[in-house]
Amino acid sequence: MIGQLHSMVIDAPDAHALATFYAGLLGMEVHGSPGDDWVTVTGAGYRLAFQQAPDLQPPDWPDPARPQQMHLDVRVADIDAAEPQVLELGARRLPGGGGDFRVYADPAGHPFCLVWDAA
């Protein structure tokens, strides 16, 4: 092993706002303040970081001219119950999905999926 993953870093036009969105989605804690260029969220042994990128050109799912580049899969017990909660946090539903997942965009436009926990 060469190393261990420290953070996944996501660009955002407002790092604190996007960190707050993901903290609400994932039940994590925000570390940083509004206006900070770098904000993290932590919990359950995971860490996401958000980097200020005021000129971010967000993905335009499913347009290949502005591809998603990466996305997070978020496991939930019940997608039908989770969907109104993520929409209230500021997500929007995107086209696509299947029997065990649905596609959304976070407030900065990054796609993510809610995935049914089949366990």
N, C-alpha and C. Protein backbone atom coordinates (compact mmCIF):
# COMPACT_ATOMS: atom_id res chain seq x y z
N MET A 1 0.85 -1.17 0.00
CA MET A 1 0.00 0.00 0.00
C MET A 1 0.89 1.24 0.00
N ILE A 2 0.55 2.19 -0.84
CA ILE A 2 1.29 3.44 -0.91
C ILE A 2 0.73 4.45 0.09
N GLY A 3 -0.57 4.51 0.25
CA GLY A 3 -1.17 5.48 1.15
C GLY A 3 -2.63 5.16 1.40
N GLN A 4 -3.29 6.03 2.14
CA GLN A 4 -4.70 5.87 2.45
C GLN A 4 -5.44 7.13 2.03
N LEU A 5 -6.67 6.96 1.59
CA LEU A 5 -7.48 8.09 1.18
C LEU A 5 -7.72 9.01 2.37
N HIS A 6 -7.43 10.28 2.18
CA HIS A 6 -7.63 11.29 3.23
C HIS A 6 -8.98 11.99 3.04
N SER A 7 -9.25 12.48 1.83
CA SER A 7 -10.47 13.22 1.53
C SER A 7 -10.84 13.04 0.08
N MET A 8 -12.09 13.18 -0.20
CA MET A 8 -12.55 13.42 -1.56
C MET A 8 -12.90 14.90 -1.59
N VAL A 9 -12.35 15.64 -2.55
CA VAL A 9 -12.53 17.08 -2.60
C VAL A 9 -13.47 17.42 -3.76
N ILE A 10 -14.46 18.26 -3.46
CA ILE A 10 -15.47 18.64 -4.44
C ILE A 10 -15.41 20.16 -4.61
N ASP A 11 -15.27 20.63 -5.84
CA ASP A 11 -15.29 22.06 -6.12
C ASP A 11 -16.71 22.59 -5.97
N ALA A 12 -16.82 23.84 -5.52
CA ALA A 12 -18.14 24.44 -5.31
C ALA A 12 -18.04 25.96 -5.43
N PRO A 13 -19.08 26.61 -5.96
CA PRO A 13 -19.08 28.06 -5.97
C PRO A 13 -19.20 28.65 -4.56
N ASP A 14 -19.75 27.89 -3.63
CA ASP A 14 -19.85 28.28 -2.21
C ASP A 14 -19.53 27.03 -1.39
N ALA A 15 -18.27 26.91 -0.97
CA ALA A 15 -17.80 25.70 -0.29
C ALA A 15 -18.60 25.40 0.97
N HIS A 16 -18.89 26.40 1.77
CA HIS A 16 -19.62 26.17 3.02
C HIS A 16 -21.05 25.72 2.75
N ALA A 17 -21.71 26.34 1.79
CA ALA A 17 -23.10 25.96 1.48
C ALA A 17 -23.18 24.51 1.00
N LEU A 18 -22.25 24.11 0.13
CA LEU A 18 -22.29 22.74 -0.36
C LEU A 18 -21.91 21.75 0.74
N ALA A 19 -20.96 22.12 1.59
CA ALA A 19 -20.61 21.26 2.72
C ALA A 19 -21.82 21.08 3.63
N THR A 20 -22.58 22.14 3.86
CA THR A 20 -23.77 22.06 4.70
C THR A 20 -24.81 21.14 4.08
N PHE A 21 -24.97 21.19 2.76
CA PHE A 21 -25.89 20.28 2.06
C PHE A 21 -25.49 18.83 2.32
N TYR A 22 -24.21 18.49 2.09
CA TYR A 22 -23.77 17.11 2.26
C TYR A 22 -23.78 16.68 3.73
N ALA A 23 -23.51 17.59 4.64
CA ALA A 23 -23.61 17.26 6.06
C ALA A 23 -25.04 16.87 6.41
N GLY A 24 -26.01 17.60 5.88
CA GLY A 24 -27.42 17.26 6.11
C GLY A 24 -27.81 15.96 5.46
N LEU A 25 -27.32 15.71 4.26
CA LEU A 25 -27.62 14.48 3.54
C LEU A 25 -27.04 13.26 4.24
N LEU A 26 -25.81 13.38 4.73
CA LEU A 26 -25.08 12.23 5.25
C LEU A 26 -25.00 12.16 6.78
N GLY A 27 -25.59 13.12 7.47
CA GLY A 27 -25.52 13.12 8.93
C GLY A 27 -24.10 13.35 9.43
N MET A 28 -23.40 14.27 8.81
CA MET A 28 -22.02 14.57 9.17
C MET A 28 -21.92 15.96 9.77
N GLU A 29 -20.73 16.30 10.26
CA GLU A 29 -20.50 17.58 10.93
C GLU A 29 -19.65 18.50 10.05
N VAL A 30 -20.07 19.75 9.93
CA VAL A 30 -19.35 20.75 9.12
C VAL A 30 -18.21 21.35 9.94
N HIS A 31 -17.03 21.47 9.32
CA HIS A 31 -15.87 22.12 9.92
C HIS A 31 -15.44 23.25 9.00
N GLY A 32 -15.79 24.46 9.36
CA GLY A 32 -15.49 25.64 8.55
C GLY A 32 -16.62 26.63 8.70
N SER A 33 -16.42 27.79 8.12
CA SER A 33 -17.37 28.89 8.25
C SER A 33 -17.74 29.43 6.88
N PRO A 34 -18.90 30.10 6.79
CA PRO A 34 -19.25 30.76 5.52
C PRO A 34 -18.12 31.68 5.08
N GLY A 35 -17.80 31.64 3.81
CA GLY A 35 -16.71 32.46 3.26
C GLY A 35 -15.37 31.76 3.23
N ASP A 36 -15.22 30.63 3.94
CA ASP A 36 -13.95 29.89 3.90
C ASP A 36 -13.73 29.29 2.51
N ASP A 37 -12.48 29.23 2.08
CA ASP A 37 -12.13 28.62 0.79
C ASP A 37 -12.09 27.10 0.86
N TRP A 38 -12.02 26.54 2.06
CA TRP A 38 -11.88 25.10 2.26
C TRP A 38 -12.73 24.71 3.47
N VAL A 39 -13.69 23.83 3.28
CA VAL A 39 -14.58 23.39 4.34
C VAL A 39 -14.66 21.87 4.28
N THR A 40 -14.67 21.21 5.42
CA THR A 40 -14.78 19.75 5.43
C THR A 40 -16.03 19.34 6.20
N VAL A 41 -16.46 18.11 5.92
CA VAL A 41 -17.49 17.45 6.72
C VAL A 41 -16.94 16.10 7.11
N THR A 42 -17.22 15.70 8.35
CA THR A 42 -16.71 14.43 8.85
C THR A 42 -17.81 13.69 9.59
N GLY A 43 -17.63 12.39 9.67
CA GLY A 43 -18.52 11.54 10.44
C GLY A 43 -18.40 10.11 9.99
N ALA A 44 -18.62 9.20 10.92
CA ALA A 44 -18.60 7.76 10.64
C ALA A 44 -17.31 7.32 9.96
N GLY A 45 -16.19 7.98 10.27
CA GLY A 45 -14.91 7.58 9.69
C GLY A 45 -14.66 8.11 8.29
N TYR A 46 -15.51 8.98 7.78
CA TYR A 46 -15.37 9.52 6.43
C TYR A 46 -15.12 11.02 6.49
N ARG A 47 -14.53 11.54 5.43
CA ARG A 47 -14.28 12.97 5.33
C ARG A 47 -14.47 13.39 3.87
N LEU A 48 -15.26 14.43 3.68
CA LEU A 48 -15.39 15.09 2.38
C LEU A 48 -14.88 16.51 2.56
N ALA A 49 -14.22 17.03 1.53
CA ALA A 49 -13.75 18.40 1.57
C ALA A 49 -14.37 19.17 0.41
N PHE A 50 -14.58 20.46 0.63
CA PHE A 50 -15.19 21.32 -0.37
C PHE A 50 -14.29 22.52 -0.56
N GLN A 51 -13.95 22.76 -1.82
CA GLN A 51 -12.98 23.79 -2.19
C GLN A 51 -13.70 24.88 -2.98
N GLN A 52 -13.46 26.12 -2.58
CA GLN A 52 -14.09 27.26 -3.24
C GLN A 52 -13.64 27.31 -4.70
N ALA A 53 -14.61 27.32 -5.62
CA ALA A 53 -14.34 27.42 -7.06
C ALA A 53 -15.43 28.32 -7.65
N PRO A 54 -15.25 29.64 -7.53
CA PRO A 54 -16.32 30.57 -7.91
C PRO A 54 -16.73 30.50 -9.38
N ASP A 55 -15.84 30.05 -10.25
CA ASP A 55 -16.17 29.97 -11.68
C ASP A 55 -16.51 28.55 -12.13
N LEU A 56 -16.92 27.71 -11.20
CA LEU A 56 -17.24 26.32 -11.52
C LEU A 56 -18.28 26.23 -12.62
N GLN A 57 -18.00 25.42 -13.61
CA GLN A 57 -18.97 25.07 -14.64
C GLN A 57 -19.50 23.68 -14.29
N PRO A 58 -20.68 23.58 -13.69
CA PRO A 58 -21.15 22.29 -13.20
C PRO A 58 -21.45 21.32 -14.33
N PRO A 59 -21.44 20.03 -14.02
CA PRO A 59 -21.86 19.04 -15.01
C PRO A 59 -23.29 19.32 -15.45
N ASP A 60 -23.64 18.83 -16.63
CA ASP A 60 -25.00 18.98 -17.14
C ASP A 60 -25.52 17.60 -17.51
N TRP A 61 -25.88 16.84 -16.49
CA TRP A 61 -26.34 15.47 -16.66
C TRP A 61 -27.58 15.44 -17.53
N PRO A 62 -27.66 14.58 -18.52
CA PRO A 62 -26.67 13.59 -18.97
C PRO A 62 -25.88 14.04 -20.20
N ASP A 63 -25.68 15.33 -20.40
CA ASP A 63 -24.99 15.87 -21.56
C ASP A 63 -23.50 15.51 -21.53
N PRO A 64 -23.00 14.76 -22.51
CA PRO A 64 -21.58 14.38 -22.52
C PRO A 64 -20.64 15.56 -22.76
N ALA A 65 -21.16 16.70 -23.21
CA ALA A 65 -20.31 17.87 -23.41
C ALA A 65 -19.84 18.45 -22.08
N ARG A 66 -20.62 18.23 -21.01
CA ARG A 66 -20.23 18.64 -19.65
C ARG A 66 -20.48 17.46 -18.74
N PRO A 67 -19.58 16.45 -18.77
CA PRO A 67 -19.80 15.19 -18.06
C PRO A 67 -19.70 15.35 -16.55
N GLN A 68 -20.23 14.34 -15.86
CA GLN A 68 -20.28 14.38 -14.40
C GLN A 68 -18.89 14.27 -13.76
N GLN A 69 -17.95 13.64 -14.37
CA GLN A 69 -16.58 13.45 -13.88
C GLN A 69 -16.50 12.54 -12.66
N MET A 70 -17.41 12.67 -11.73
CA MET A 70 -17.47 11.79 -10.57
C MET A 70 -18.86 11.97 -9.96
N HIS A 71 -19.27 11.02 -9.14
CA HIS A 71 -20.50 11.19 -8.38
C HIS A 71 -20.43 10.32 -7.14
N LEU A 72 -21.25 10.64 -6.16
CA LEU A 72 -21.35 9.86 -4.94
C LEU A 72 -22.61 9.00 -5.00
N ASP A 73 -22.52 7.78 -4.54
CA ASP A 73 -23.68 6.91 -4.33
C ASP A 73 -23.96 6.92 -2.83
N VAL A 74 -25.17 7.30 -2.47
CA VAL A 74 -25.57 7.40 -1.07
C VAL A 74 -26.61 6.31 -0.79
N ARG A 75 -26.24 5.36 0.06
CA ARG A 75 -27.13 4.25 0.39
C ARG A 75 -28.20 4.74 1.37
N VAL A 76 -29.46 4.42 1.06
CA VAL A 76 -30.59 4.78 1.92
C VAL A 76 -31.47 3.56 2.14
N ALA A 77 -32.19 3.56 3.24
CA ALA A 77 -33.08 2.44 3.55
C ALA A 77 -34.32 2.47 2.66
N ASP A 78 -34.80 3.67 2.31
CA ASP A 78 -36.03 3.80 1.53
C ASP A 78 -35.92 5.05 0.65
N ILE A 79 -35.76 4.83 -0.64
CA ILE A 79 -35.59 5.95 -1.57
C ILE A 79 -36.82 6.85 -1.56
N ASP A 80 -38.01 6.28 -1.50
CA ASP A 80 -39.22 7.09 -1.51
C ASP A 80 -39.29 8.02 -0.30
N ALA A 81 -38.79 7.58 0.84
CA ALA A 81 -38.77 8.43 2.04
C ALA A 81 -37.63 9.44 1.98
N ALA A 82 -36.49 9.05 1.38
CA ALA A 82 -35.32 9.92 1.34
C ALA A 82 -35.46 11.04 0.31
N GLU A 83 -36.17 10.78 -0.78
CA GLU A 83 -36.24 11.78 -1.85
C GLU A 83 -36.78 13.13 -1.39
N PRO A 84 -37.92 13.21 -0.69
CA PRO A 84 -38.38 14.54 -0.27
C PRO A 84 -37.40 15.24 0.67
N GLN A 85 -36.64 14.48 1.42
CA GLN A 85 -35.66 15.06 2.33
C GLN A 85 -34.51 15.70 1.57
N VAL A 86 -33.99 15.01 0.54
CA VAL A 86 -32.87 15.60 -0.22
C VAL A 86 -33.35 16.78 -1.07
N LEU A 87 -34.59 16.72 -1.54
CA LEU A 87 -35.12 17.85 -2.29
C LEU A 87 -35.27 19.07 -1.38
N GLU A 88 -35.68 18.85 -0.15
CA GLU A 88 -35.80 19.96 0.81
C GLU A 88 -34.44 20.57 1.15
N LEU A 89 -33.39 19.75 1.13
CA LEU A 89 -32.03 20.27 1.38
C LEU A 89 -31.51 21.11 0.22
N GLY A 90 -32.13 20.97 -0.97
CA GLY A 90 -31.69 21.76 -2.12
C GLY A 90 -31.30 20.95 -3.33
N ALA A 91 -31.42 19.63 -3.27
CA ALA A 91 -31.12 18.79 -4.43
C ALA A 91 -32.25 18.93 -5.45
N ARG A 92 -31.96 18.49 -6.68
CA ARG A 92 -33.03 18.40 -7.68
C ARG A 92 -32.90 17.07 -8.39
N ARG A 93 -34.02 16.50 -8.76
CA ARG A 93 -34.06 15.21 -9.43
C ARG A 93 -33.57 15.38 -10.86
N LEU A 94 -32.77 14.43 -11.33
CA LEU A 94 -32.27 14.42 -12.71
C LEU A 94 -32.85 13.22 -13.44
N PRO A 95 -32.83 13.26 -14.77
CA PRO A 95 -33.30 12.10 -15.52
C PRO A 95 -32.39 10.89 -15.27
N GLY A 96 -32.96 9.74 -15.41
CA GLY A 96 -32.18 8.52 -15.24
C GLY A 96 -32.52 7.84 -13.94
N GLY A 97 -31.97 6.70 -13.78
CA GLY A 97 -32.22 5.91 -12.58
C GLY A 97 -32.68 4.53 -12.99
N GLY A 98 -32.80 3.68 -12.01
CA GLY A 98 -33.22 2.32 -12.26
C GLY A 98 -34.02 1.83 -11.08
N GLY A 99 -34.20 0.53 -11.01
CA GLY A 99 -34.98 -0.05 -9.94
C GLY A 99 -34.36 0.12 -8.58
N ASP A 100 -33.04 0.29 -8.51
CA ASP A 100 -32.39 0.39 -7.21
C ASP A 100 -31.65 1.70 -6.99
N PHE A 101 -31.84 2.70 -7.86
CA PHE A 101 -31.20 4.01 -7.65
C PHE A 101 -31.96 5.11 -8.38
N ARG A 102 -31.77 6.34 -7.90
CA ARG A 102 -32.29 7.54 -8.56
C ARG A 102 -31.17 8.57 -8.59
N VAL A 103 -31.19 9.42 -9.61
CA VAL A 103 -30.13 10.40 -9.84
C VAL A 103 -30.62 11.80 -9.46
N TYR A 104 -29.75 12.55 -8.78
CA TYR A 104 -30.06 13.91 -8.33
C TYR A 104 -28.85 14.80 -8.60
N ALA A 105 -29.05 16.11 -8.51
CA ALA A 105 -27.95 17.07 -8.54
C ALA A 105 -27.93 17.78 -7.20
N ASP A 106 -26.73 17.99 -6.65
CA ASP A 106 -26.61 18.78 -5.43
C ASP A 106 -26.80 20.26 -5.80
N PRO A 107 -26.83 21.17 -4.84
CA PRO A 107 -27.08 22.58 -5.17
C PRO A 107 -26.06 23.21 -6.12
N ALA A 108 -24.85 22.65 -6.23
CA ALA A 108 -23.85 23.17 -7.16
C ALA A 108 -23.91 22.47 -8.51
N GLY A 109 -24.79 21.48 -8.67
CA GLY A 109 -24.96 20.79 -9.95
C GLY A 109 -24.27 19.45 -10.07
N HIS A 110 -23.51 19.00 -9.05
CA HIS A 110 -22.84 17.70 -9.12
C HIS A 110 -23.88 16.59 -8.98
N PRO A 111 -23.86 15.61 -9.87
CA PRO A 111 -24.78 14.49 -9.73
C PRO A 111 -24.41 13.60 -8.54
N PHE A 112 -25.42 13.00 -7.94
CA PHE A 112 -25.24 11.95 -6.95
C PHE A 112 -26.45 11.04 -7.03
N CYS A 113 -26.30 9.84 -6.52
CA CYS A 113 -27.40 8.88 -6.57
C CYS A 113 -27.82 8.48 -5.17
N LEU A 114 -29.11 8.32 -4.99
CA LEU A 114 -29.62 7.60 -3.82
C LEU A 114 -29.77 6.16 -4.26
N VAL A 115 -29.19 5.26 -3.50
CA VAL A 115 -29.15 3.84 -3.84
C VAL A 115 -29.90 3.07 -2.76
N TRP A 116 -30.81 2.23 -3.17
CA TRP A 116 -31.59 1.42 -2.26
C TRP A 116 -30.69 0.45 -1.52
N ASP A 117 -30.79 0.42 -0.22
CA ASP A 117 -30.02 -0.52 0.61
C ASP A 117 -30.74 -1.86 0.58
N ALA A 118 -30.26 -2.76 -0.23
CA ALA A 118 -30.92 -4.05 -0.40
C ALA A 118 -30.52 -5.06 0.66
N ALA A 119 -29.64 -4.67 1.57
CA ALA A 119 -29.15 -5.62 2.59
C ALA A 119 -30.21 -5.95 3.60
